[in-house]
N, C-alpha and C. Protein backbone atom coordinates (compact mmCIF):
# COMPACT_ATOMS: atom_id res chain seq x y z
N MET A 1 -10.79 -107.92 -105.17
CA MET A 1 -10.74 -106.48 -105.10
C MET A 1 -12.11 -105.98 -104.67
N SER A 2 -12.13 -105.07 -103.74
CA SER A 2 -13.41 -104.55 -103.28
C SER A 2 -13.83 -103.35 -104.12
N PRO A 3 -15.13 -103.14 -104.29
CA PRO A 3 -15.59 -101.99 -105.06
C PRO A 3 -15.10 -100.69 -104.43
N ARG A 4 -14.80 -99.73 -105.28
CA ARG A 4 -14.25 -98.46 -104.81
C ARG A 4 -15.34 -97.45 -104.51
N GLY A 5 -16.58 -97.81 -104.69
CA GLY A 5 -17.67 -96.89 -104.41
C GLY A 5 -18.01 -96.02 -105.60
N ALA A 6 -19.18 -95.46 -105.55
CA ALA A 6 -19.66 -94.62 -106.64
C ALA A 6 -19.04 -93.24 -106.55
N ALA A 7 -18.91 -92.61 -107.69
CA ALA A 7 -18.44 -91.23 -107.75
C ALA A 7 -19.64 -90.35 -108.07
N ALA A 8 -19.65 -89.16 -107.56
CA ALA A 8 -20.78 -88.26 -107.78
C ALA A 8 -20.71 -87.60 -109.15
N LEU A 9 -21.85 -87.42 -109.76
CA LEU A 9 -21.94 -86.72 -111.03
C LEU A 9 -21.34 -85.33 -110.86
N GLY A 10 -20.57 -84.92 -111.82
CA GLY A 10 -19.94 -83.60 -111.74
C GLY A 10 -18.51 -83.67 -111.24
N ASP A 11 -18.02 -84.86 -110.92
CA ASP A 11 -16.64 -85.00 -110.49
C ASP A 11 -15.67 -84.74 -111.64
N GLY A 12 -16.14 -84.75 -112.87
CA GLY A 12 -15.26 -84.63 -114.03
C GLY A 12 -14.83 -86.02 -114.43
N TRP A 13 -15.45 -86.57 -115.43
CA TRP A 13 -15.21 -87.96 -115.80
C TRP A 13 -13.97 -88.07 -116.68
N HIS A 14 -13.02 -88.87 -116.23
CA HIS A 14 -11.78 -89.05 -116.98
C HIS A 14 -11.92 -90.16 -118.02
N VAL A 15 -12.45 -91.31 -117.61
CA VAL A 15 -12.48 -92.48 -118.49
C VAL A 15 -13.89 -93.07 -118.52
N GLY A 16 -14.44 -93.20 -119.71
CA GLY A 16 -15.70 -93.88 -119.93
C GLY A 16 -15.42 -95.21 -120.59
N VAL A 17 -16.07 -96.27 -120.15
CA VAL A 17 -15.80 -97.62 -120.65
C VAL A 17 -17.09 -98.25 -121.14
N VAL A 18 -17.03 -98.89 -122.30
CA VAL A 18 -18.16 -99.64 -122.84
C VAL A 18 -17.66 -101.04 -123.18
N ALA A 19 -18.34 -102.07 -122.65
CA ALA A 19 -18.01 -103.46 -123.01
C ALA A 19 -18.64 -103.74 -124.38
N GLU A 20 -17.83 -104.23 -125.31
CA GLU A 20 -18.33 -104.49 -126.66
C GLU A 20 -19.21 -105.73 -126.73
N VAL A 21 -18.96 -106.69 -125.86
CA VAL A 21 -19.71 -107.94 -125.90
C VAL A 21 -20.92 -107.81 -124.98
N ALA A 22 -22.10 -108.05 -125.53
CA ALA A 22 -23.33 -107.93 -124.76
C ALA A 22 -23.25 -108.80 -123.50
N GLY A 23 -23.63 -108.23 -122.39
CA GLY A 23 -23.66 -108.97 -121.14
C GLY A 23 -22.34 -109.01 -120.39
N ASP A 24 -21.27 -108.41 -120.93
CA ASP A 24 -19.97 -108.46 -120.27
C ASP A 24 -19.67 -107.24 -119.41
N THR A 25 -20.63 -106.37 -119.22
CA THR A 25 -20.40 -105.19 -118.39
C THR A 25 -20.02 -105.59 -116.97
N GLY A 26 -20.64 -106.63 -116.44
CA GLY A 26 -20.34 -107.10 -115.09
C GLY A 26 -18.89 -107.52 -114.93
N VAL A 27 -18.32 -108.13 -115.96
CA VAL A 27 -16.91 -108.53 -115.93
C VAL A 27 -16.03 -107.28 -115.81
N VAL A 28 -16.34 -106.27 -116.60
CA VAL A 28 -15.58 -105.02 -116.57
C VAL A 28 -15.68 -104.37 -115.19
N LEU A 29 -16.87 -104.35 -114.62
CA LEU A 29 -17.07 -103.76 -113.29
C LEU A 29 -16.25 -104.49 -112.24
N ASP A 30 -16.25 -105.82 -112.29
CA ASP A 30 -15.49 -106.61 -111.32
C ASP A 30 -13.99 -106.32 -111.43
N VAL A 31 -13.46 -106.33 -112.64
CA VAL A 31 -12.03 -106.13 -112.83
C VAL A 31 -11.61 -104.72 -112.43
N LEU A 32 -12.40 -103.72 -112.78
CA LEU A 32 -12.04 -102.34 -112.44
C LEU A 32 -12.42 -101.96 -111.01
N GLY A 33 -13.17 -102.83 -110.34
CA GLY A 33 -13.57 -102.54 -108.96
C GLY A 33 -14.59 -101.43 -108.86
N VAL A 34 -15.46 -101.31 -109.86
CA VAL A 34 -16.48 -100.26 -109.88
C VAL A 34 -17.78 -100.84 -109.36
N ALA A 35 -18.42 -100.10 -108.45
CA ALA A 35 -19.69 -100.55 -107.87
C ALA A 35 -20.79 -100.54 -108.92
N ARG A 36 -21.70 -101.47 -108.80
CA ARG A 36 -22.82 -101.55 -109.73
C ARG A 36 -23.83 -100.45 -109.41
N GLY A 37 -24.34 -99.83 -110.47
CA GLY A 37 -25.37 -98.80 -110.34
C GLY A 37 -26.62 -99.29 -111.05
N ARG A 38 -27.53 -98.39 -111.31
CA ARG A 38 -28.76 -98.77 -112.01
C ARG A 38 -28.50 -99.06 -113.48
N ARG A 39 -27.93 -98.12 -114.18
CA ARG A 39 -27.70 -98.29 -115.61
C ARG A 39 -26.24 -98.00 -115.93
N PHE A 40 -25.78 -96.80 -115.57
CA PHE A 40 -24.37 -96.45 -115.71
C PHE A 40 -23.73 -96.64 -114.34
N HIS A 41 -22.49 -97.06 -114.34
CA HIS A 41 -21.81 -97.42 -113.11
C HIS A 41 -20.61 -96.50 -112.95
N THR A 42 -20.46 -95.88 -111.79
CA THR A 42 -19.38 -94.93 -111.60
C THR A 42 -18.47 -95.35 -110.46
N GLY A 43 -17.22 -94.96 -110.56
CA GLY A 43 -16.26 -95.28 -109.52
C GLY A 43 -14.99 -94.46 -109.67
N ARG A 44 -14.07 -94.71 -108.77
CA ARG A 44 -12.80 -94.00 -108.75
C ARG A 44 -11.67 -95.00 -108.72
N MET A 45 -10.52 -94.57 -109.25
CA MET A 45 -9.33 -95.40 -109.22
C MET A 45 -8.17 -94.52 -108.76
N ALA A 46 -7.55 -94.89 -107.64
CA ALA A 46 -6.39 -94.15 -107.15
C ALA A 46 -5.20 -94.42 -108.06
N MET A 47 -4.49 -93.36 -108.37
CA MET A 47 -3.31 -93.45 -109.23
C MET A 47 -2.22 -92.57 -108.63
N PRO A 48 -0.96 -92.80 -109.03
CA PRO A 48 0.10 -91.93 -108.52
C PRO A 48 -0.13 -90.45 -108.83
N SER A 49 -0.79 -90.16 -109.96
CA SER A 49 -1.01 -88.76 -110.35
C SER A 49 -2.32 -88.18 -109.82
N GLY A 50 -3.06 -88.93 -109.03
CA GLY A 50 -4.33 -88.45 -108.49
C GLY A 50 -5.39 -89.52 -108.53
N VAL A 51 -6.63 -89.11 -108.75
CA VAL A 51 -7.75 -90.04 -108.79
C VAL A 51 -8.39 -89.96 -110.17
N ALA A 52 -8.57 -91.12 -110.80
CA ALA A 52 -9.28 -91.18 -112.09
C ALA A 52 -10.74 -91.50 -111.79
N TYR A 53 -11.63 -90.71 -112.38
CA TYR A 53 -13.05 -90.96 -112.24
C TYR A 53 -13.52 -91.75 -113.45
N LEU A 54 -14.16 -92.90 -113.18
CA LEU A 54 -14.56 -93.85 -114.22
C LEU A 54 -16.07 -93.93 -114.30
N VAL A 55 -16.56 -94.11 -115.51
CA VAL A 55 -17.97 -94.41 -115.72
C VAL A 55 -18.04 -95.56 -116.71
N VAL A 56 -18.77 -96.61 -116.34
CA VAL A 56 -18.91 -97.79 -117.18
C VAL A 56 -20.35 -97.85 -117.67
N ALA A 57 -20.49 -97.94 -118.98
CA ALA A 57 -21.81 -97.98 -119.60
C ALA A 57 -22.23 -99.42 -119.86
N PRO A 58 -23.52 -99.66 -119.99
CA PRO A 58 -23.97 -100.99 -120.41
C PRO A 58 -23.42 -101.30 -121.79
N SER A 59 -23.35 -102.56 -122.14
CA SER A 59 -22.82 -102.98 -123.45
C SER A 59 -23.65 -102.39 -124.58
N GLY A 60 -22.99 -102.13 -125.71
CA GLY A 60 -23.70 -101.74 -126.92
C GLY A 60 -23.37 -100.35 -127.42
N ALA A 61 -23.51 -100.18 -128.73
CA ALA A 61 -23.18 -98.92 -129.39
C ALA A 61 -24.08 -97.78 -128.91
N ALA A 62 -25.35 -98.05 -128.66
CA ALA A 62 -26.26 -96.99 -128.20
C ALA A 62 -25.80 -96.45 -126.85
N SER A 63 -25.27 -97.31 -126.00
CA SER A 63 -24.78 -96.87 -124.70
C SER A 63 -23.61 -95.92 -124.84
N ALA A 64 -22.77 -96.13 -125.85
CA ALA A 64 -21.63 -95.24 -126.06
C ALA A 64 -22.11 -93.82 -126.34
N GLY A 65 -23.16 -93.67 -127.13
CA GLY A 65 -23.71 -92.35 -127.42
C GLY A 65 -24.24 -91.67 -126.18
N VAL A 66 -24.96 -92.41 -125.35
CA VAL A 66 -25.50 -91.84 -124.11
C VAL A 66 -24.35 -91.48 -123.17
N LEU A 67 -23.34 -92.34 -123.11
CA LEU A 67 -22.17 -92.07 -122.27
C LEU A 67 -21.52 -90.75 -122.67
N LEU A 68 -21.33 -90.53 -123.97
CA LEU A 68 -20.73 -89.29 -124.46
C LEU A 68 -21.58 -88.08 -124.10
N ASP A 69 -22.89 -88.20 -124.32
CA ASP A 69 -23.79 -87.07 -124.06
C ASP A 69 -23.96 -86.76 -122.58
N ARG A 70 -24.12 -87.79 -121.77
CA ARG A 70 -24.45 -87.57 -120.36
C ARG A 70 -23.23 -87.32 -119.48
N TYR A 71 -22.15 -88.08 -119.71
CA TYR A 71 -21.00 -88.01 -118.80
C TYR A 71 -19.81 -87.26 -119.37
N ASP A 72 -19.70 -87.14 -120.70
CA ASP A 72 -18.66 -86.36 -121.35
C ASP A 72 -17.24 -86.73 -120.89
N PRO A 73 -16.89 -88.04 -120.89
CA PRO A 73 -15.55 -88.41 -120.42
C PRO A 73 -14.48 -87.93 -121.41
N ALA A 74 -13.30 -87.66 -120.88
CA ALA A 74 -12.18 -87.22 -121.71
C ALA A 74 -11.64 -88.36 -122.57
N VAL A 75 -11.71 -89.58 -122.07
CA VAL A 75 -11.24 -90.76 -122.79
C VAL A 75 -12.36 -91.79 -122.79
N VAL A 76 -12.61 -92.39 -123.94
CA VAL A 76 -13.59 -93.47 -124.05
C VAL A 76 -12.86 -94.72 -124.49
N VAL A 77 -13.13 -95.84 -123.80
CA VAL A 77 -12.47 -97.09 -124.10
C VAL A 77 -13.53 -98.16 -124.37
N LEU A 78 -13.42 -98.82 -125.51
CA LEU A 78 -14.24 -99.99 -125.82
C LEU A 78 -13.43 -101.20 -125.41
N VAL A 79 -14.03 -102.10 -124.63
CA VAL A 79 -13.32 -103.24 -124.07
C VAL A 79 -13.95 -104.54 -124.53
N GLY A 80 -13.12 -105.51 -124.90
CA GLY A 80 -13.58 -106.84 -125.25
C GLY A 80 -13.63 -107.06 -126.75
N GLY A 81 -14.34 -108.05 -127.17
CA GLY A 81 -14.47 -108.33 -128.58
C GLY A 81 -13.75 -109.57 -129.04
N GLY A 82 -13.14 -110.31 -128.15
CA GLY A 82 -12.52 -111.58 -128.49
C GLY A 82 -11.14 -111.45 -129.09
N GLY A 83 -10.49 -112.60 -129.27
CA GLY A 83 -9.16 -112.64 -129.86
C GLY A 83 -8.08 -112.32 -128.87
N ALA A 84 -6.89 -112.05 -129.41
CA ALA A 84 -5.74 -111.71 -128.58
C ALA A 84 -5.97 -110.32 -127.97
N VAL A 85 -5.28 -110.05 -126.87
CA VAL A 85 -5.43 -108.75 -126.22
C VAL A 85 -4.53 -107.75 -126.92
N VAL A 86 -5.17 -106.76 -127.54
CA VAL A 86 -4.48 -105.74 -128.33
C VAL A 86 -5.04 -104.38 -127.95
N VAL A 87 -4.17 -103.40 -127.74
CA VAL A 87 -4.58 -102.03 -127.45
C VAL A 87 -4.46 -101.22 -128.73
N THR A 88 -5.57 -100.68 -129.20
CA THR A 88 -5.60 -99.79 -130.37
C THR A 88 -6.01 -98.43 -129.85
N HIS A 89 -5.38 -97.39 -130.35
CA HIS A 89 -5.61 -96.08 -129.77
C HIS A 89 -5.65 -94.99 -130.83
N ALA A 90 -5.99 -93.79 -130.38
CA ALA A 90 -6.00 -92.63 -131.26
C ALA A 90 -4.58 -92.31 -131.70
N GLY A 91 -4.47 -91.66 -132.84
CA GLY A 91 -3.16 -91.34 -133.40
C GLY A 91 -2.43 -90.23 -132.67
N ALA A 92 -3.08 -89.51 -131.79
CA ALA A 92 -2.42 -88.41 -131.10
C ALA A 92 -3.02 -88.26 -129.71
N GLY A 93 -2.32 -87.53 -128.86
CA GLY A 93 -2.88 -87.16 -127.57
C GLY A 93 -2.52 -88.05 -126.42
N PRO A 94 -3.27 -87.90 -125.33
CA PRO A 94 -2.91 -88.55 -124.07
C PRO A 94 -2.98 -90.07 -124.11
N VAL A 95 -3.85 -90.64 -124.91
CA VAL A 95 -3.93 -92.11 -124.95
C VAL A 95 -2.70 -92.68 -125.67
N ARG A 96 -2.29 -92.06 -126.76
CA ARG A 96 -1.08 -92.51 -127.46
C ARG A 96 0.10 -92.47 -126.50
N ASP A 97 0.25 -91.37 -125.76
CA ASP A 97 1.36 -91.23 -124.83
C ASP A 97 1.26 -92.25 -123.70
N ALA A 98 0.04 -92.50 -123.22
CA ALA A 98 -0.15 -93.48 -122.15
C ALA A 98 0.20 -94.88 -122.64
N VAL A 99 -0.23 -95.23 -123.84
CA VAL A 99 0.07 -96.55 -124.40
C VAL A 99 1.58 -96.70 -124.57
N SER A 100 2.25 -95.68 -125.06
CA SER A 100 3.71 -95.75 -125.23
C SER A 100 4.41 -95.92 -123.90
N ALA A 101 3.99 -95.15 -122.89
CA ALA A 101 4.60 -95.26 -121.56
C ALA A 101 4.34 -96.64 -120.94
N PHE A 102 3.11 -97.14 -121.12
CA PHE A 102 2.76 -98.46 -120.59
C PHE A 102 3.67 -99.54 -121.18
N PHE A 103 3.83 -99.55 -122.51
CA PHE A 103 4.66 -100.57 -123.13
C PHE A 103 6.15 -100.35 -122.85
N SER A 104 6.58 -99.12 -122.65
CA SER A 104 7.97 -98.85 -122.26
C SER A 104 8.26 -99.47 -120.90
N ALA A 105 7.30 -99.36 -119.99
CA ALA A 105 7.47 -99.90 -118.64
C ALA A 105 7.27 -101.41 -118.58
N ALA A 106 6.29 -101.92 -119.31
CA ALA A 106 5.91 -103.34 -119.19
C ALA A 106 6.56 -104.24 -120.23
N GLY A 107 7.17 -103.65 -121.26
CA GLY A 107 7.73 -104.44 -122.35
C GLY A 107 6.65 -104.72 -123.39
N GLU A 108 7.09 -105.21 -124.54
CA GLU A 108 6.12 -105.51 -125.60
C GLU A 108 6.52 -106.81 -126.29
N PRO A 109 5.66 -107.82 -126.21
CA PRO A 109 4.34 -107.78 -125.58
C PRO A 109 4.46 -107.70 -124.06
N ALA A 110 3.48 -107.07 -123.45
CA ALA A 110 3.44 -106.93 -121.99
C ALA A 110 2.79 -108.18 -121.41
N ALA A 111 3.41 -108.74 -120.39
CA ALA A 111 2.84 -109.89 -119.68
C ALA A 111 2.15 -109.34 -118.43
N LEU A 112 0.85 -109.58 -118.33
CA LEU A 112 0.08 -109.11 -117.17
C LEU A 112 -0.51 -110.28 -116.42
N PRO A 113 -0.68 -110.12 -115.10
CA PRO A 113 -1.33 -111.19 -114.33
C PRO A 113 -2.81 -111.24 -114.65
N GLY A 114 -3.37 -112.43 -114.66
CA GLY A 114 -4.81 -112.57 -114.86
C GLY A 114 -5.56 -112.05 -113.65
N PHE A 115 -6.81 -111.70 -113.85
CA PHE A 115 -7.63 -111.19 -112.76
C PHE A 115 -8.11 -112.33 -111.88
N GLY A 116 -8.07 -112.12 -110.56
CA GLY A 116 -8.59 -113.10 -109.61
C GLY A 116 -7.90 -114.44 -109.64
N GLY A 117 -6.59 -114.45 -109.91
CA GLY A 117 -5.84 -115.69 -109.92
C GLY A 117 -5.82 -116.42 -111.25
N ALA A 118 -6.43 -115.83 -112.27
CA ALA A 118 -6.40 -116.44 -113.61
C ALA A 118 -4.96 -116.40 -114.13
N PRO A 119 -4.62 -117.27 -115.08
CA PRO A 119 -3.26 -117.26 -115.64
C PRO A 119 -2.91 -115.93 -116.29
N SER A 120 -1.62 -115.65 -116.35
CA SER A 120 -1.16 -114.41 -116.98
C SER A 120 -1.44 -114.46 -118.49
N PHE A 121 -1.37 -113.31 -119.12
CA PHE A 121 -1.64 -113.20 -120.55
C PHE A 121 -0.78 -112.09 -121.13
N HIS A 122 -0.71 -112.02 -122.45
CA HIS A 122 0.10 -111.01 -123.12
C HIS A 122 -0.76 -109.97 -123.80
N VAL A 123 -0.24 -108.75 -123.83
CA VAL A 123 -0.90 -107.61 -124.46
C VAL A 123 0.05 -107.03 -125.49
N THR A 124 -0.46 -106.76 -126.68
CA THR A 124 0.34 -106.12 -127.71
C THR A 124 -0.31 -104.81 -128.13
N ARG A 125 0.45 -104.02 -128.86
CA ARG A 125 -0.05 -102.74 -129.37
C ARG A 125 -0.62 -102.98 -130.76
N GLY A 126 -1.81 -102.45 -130.99
CA GLY A 126 -2.44 -102.56 -132.30
C GLY A 126 -2.15 -101.32 -133.13
N PRO A 127 -2.59 -101.35 -134.37
CA PRO A 127 -2.35 -100.19 -135.23
C PRO A 127 -3.22 -99.00 -134.83
N GLU A 128 -2.73 -97.81 -135.11
CA GLU A 128 -3.56 -96.63 -134.92
C GLU A 128 -4.65 -96.69 -135.98
N ALA A 129 -5.83 -96.28 -135.63
CA ALA A 129 -6.95 -96.39 -136.56
C ALA A 129 -7.95 -95.27 -136.29
N ALA A 130 -8.94 -95.19 -137.16
CA ALA A 130 -10.00 -94.19 -136.97
C ALA A 130 -10.83 -94.56 -135.75
N PRO A 131 -11.34 -93.56 -135.02
CA PRO A 131 -12.16 -93.86 -133.84
C PRO A 131 -13.42 -94.61 -134.22
N PRO A 132 -13.92 -95.46 -133.33
CA PRO A 132 -15.12 -96.24 -133.61
C PRO A 132 -16.41 -95.43 -133.44
N PHE A 133 -16.30 -94.15 -133.13
CA PHE A 133 -17.45 -93.26 -133.00
C PHE A 133 -16.94 -91.87 -133.34
N GLU A 134 -17.84 -90.93 -133.54
CA GLU A 134 -17.44 -89.55 -133.82
C GLU A 134 -16.87 -88.96 -132.53
N PRO A 135 -15.55 -88.75 -132.45
CA PRO A 135 -14.96 -88.35 -131.19
C PRO A 135 -15.32 -86.95 -130.74
N GLY A 136 -15.39 -86.00 -131.64
CA GLY A 136 -15.75 -84.64 -131.25
C GLY A 136 -14.82 -84.09 -130.19
N ALA A 137 -15.38 -83.27 -129.32
CA ALA A 137 -14.61 -82.67 -128.24
C ALA A 137 -15.43 -82.79 -126.96
N THR A 138 -14.73 -82.70 -125.84
CA THR A 138 -15.43 -82.71 -124.56
C THR A 138 -16.10 -81.36 -124.35
N ALA A 139 -16.94 -81.27 -123.34
CA ALA A 139 -17.59 -79.99 -123.02
C ALA A 139 -16.56 -78.95 -122.61
N ARG A 140 -15.39 -79.42 -122.19
CA ARG A 140 -14.31 -78.50 -121.82
C ARG A 140 -13.53 -78.02 -123.04
N GLY A 141 -13.96 -78.49 -124.24
CA GLY A 141 -13.33 -78.04 -125.48
C GLY A 141 -12.07 -78.79 -125.88
N ARG A 142 -11.73 -79.84 -125.16
CA ARG A 142 -10.55 -80.62 -125.51
C ARG A 142 -10.95 -81.78 -126.41
N PRO A 143 -10.06 -82.19 -127.31
CA PRO A 143 -10.40 -83.34 -128.16
C PRO A 143 -10.59 -84.58 -127.30
N ARG A 144 -11.59 -85.37 -127.62
CA ARG A 144 -11.84 -86.60 -126.87
C ARG A 144 -10.89 -87.68 -127.38
N ALA A 145 -10.21 -88.34 -126.46
CA ALA A 145 -9.31 -89.43 -126.81
C ALA A 145 -10.09 -90.74 -126.72
N TRP A 146 -9.58 -91.77 -127.36
CA TRP A 146 -10.26 -93.05 -127.33
C TRP A 146 -9.25 -94.17 -127.44
N ALA A 147 -9.67 -95.35 -127.04
CA ALA A 147 -8.86 -96.56 -127.20
C ALA A 147 -9.80 -97.74 -127.30
N VAL A 148 -9.32 -98.80 -127.92
CA VAL A 148 -10.03 -100.07 -127.96
C VAL A 148 -9.06 -101.09 -127.39
N VAL A 149 -9.52 -101.86 -126.41
CA VAL A 149 -8.71 -102.95 -125.86
C VAL A 149 -9.46 -104.23 -126.21
N ARG A 150 -8.98 -104.92 -127.23
CA ARG A 150 -9.63 -106.13 -127.72
C ARG A 150 -9.11 -107.34 -126.94
N GLY A 151 -9.88 -108.40 -126.98
CA GLY A 151 -9.49 -109.64 -126.34
C GLY A 151 -10.61 -110.14 -125.46
N ASP A 152 -10.41 -111.29 -124.86
CA ASP A 152 -11.34 -111.81 -123.86
C ASP A 152 -11.65 -110.66 -122.91
N THR A 153 -12.91 -110.44 -122.57
CA THR A 153 -13.30 -109.25 -121.82
C THR A 153 -12.56 -109.12 -120.49
N ALA A 154 -12.38 -110.22 -119.76
CA ALA A 154 -11.67 -110.13 -118.47
C ALA A 154 -10.22 -109.70 -118.69
N HIS A 155 -9.56 -110.25 -119.70
CA HIS A 155 -8.18 -109.86 -119.99
C HIS A 155 -8.11 -108.42 -120.49
N ALA A 156 -9.05 -108.04 -121.36
CA ALA A 156 -9.05 -106.68 -121.89
C ALA A 156 -9.28 -105.67 -120.76
N ALA A 157 -10.20 -105.97 -119.85
CA ALA A 157 -10.46 -105.06 -118.72
C ALA A 157 -9.25 -105.00 -117.79
N GLN A 158 -8.59 -106.12 -117.60
CA GLN A 158 -7.38 -106.14 -116.77
C GLN A 158 -6.28 -105.30 -117.42
N ALA A 159 -6.14 -105.39 -118.75
CA ALA A 159 -5.15 -104.56 -119.46
C ALA A 159 -5.50 -103.08 -119.28
N LEU A 160 -6.79 -102.74 -119.39
CA LEU A 160 -7.21 -101.36 -119.18
C LEU A 160 -6.88 -100.91 -117.76
N ARG A 161 -7.11 -101.77 -116.80
CA ARG A 161 -6.82 -101.44 -115.40
C ARG A 161 -5.35 -101.07 -115.22
N TYR A 162 -4.45 -101.74 -115.95
CA TYR A 162 -3.03 -101.44 -115.87
C TYR A 162 -2.66 -100.21 -116.71
N LEU A 163 -3.44 -99.91 -117.73
CA LEU A 163 -3.16 -98.78 -118.62
C LEU A 163 -3.61 -97.44 -118.01
N ILE A 164 -4.73 -97.42 -117.30
CA ILE A 164 -5.29 -96.17 -116.77
C ILE A 164 -4.29 -95.35 -115.96
N PRO A 165 -3.46 -95.94 -115.10
CA PRO A 165 -2.52 -95.11 -114.34
C PRO A 165 -1.51 -94.35 -115.21
N TYR A 166 -1.37 -94.73 -116.45
CA TYR A 166 -0.44 -94.02 -117.34
C TYR A 166 -1.09 -92.80 -117.99
N LEU A 167 -2.40 -92.64 -117.83
CA LEU A 167 -3.08 -91.48 -118.42
C LEU A 167 -2.68 -90.22 -117.64
N PRO A 168 -2.28 -89.19 -118.34
CA PRO A 168 -1.91 -87.93 -117.65
C PRO A 168 -3.16 -87.13 -117.32
N LEU A 169 -3.69 -87.29 -116.11
CA LEU A 169 -4.96 -86.68 -115.74
C LEU A 169 -4.96 -85.17 -115.91
N ALA A 170 -3.83 -84.53 -115.74
CA ALA A 170 -3.78 -83.07 -115.87
C ALA A 170 -4.12 -82.63 -117.29
N ARG A 171 -3.89 -83.50 -118.27
CA ARG A 171 -4.16 -83.14 -119.66
C ARG A 171 -5.56 -83.53 -120.09
N LEU A 172 -6.30 -84.25 -119.24
CA LEU A 172 -7.63 -84.71 -119.62
C LEU A 172 -8.68 -83.69 -119.25
């Protein structure tokens, strides 16, 4: 997959992504097709409902705070962390609806192709839980949605890549 190019600041960030495992940001960038930047990496993803603007932060909890303050994405996703691939999400809002639509279309567990010719893998739905950070609201005054996609970072990023098109951009 070729990089989709950088998106300009002010495009309105739909999805912010943080790799939970130190040093795995590059894996996330490759899978999502986001061009590498200096510190934060921005890109676009074409979807049937329009274009999703993505920003990928360097690994680590401190990066999540800077991501929230600087880019103000409507949805924040933590990716990786080992184990089976499981999607955990907020109890309400666009991410819950996206996760439900994704599993309705893909089945549960969902079988997804591995990235770059890797073997396929399964994704399951995890329990709803408290957000891993203070979610607050976006600068637009809407509640910030969040999700965690656990699992091997490449598989988790691939699951996110398949989940993003289910996000209703008009509501973000």
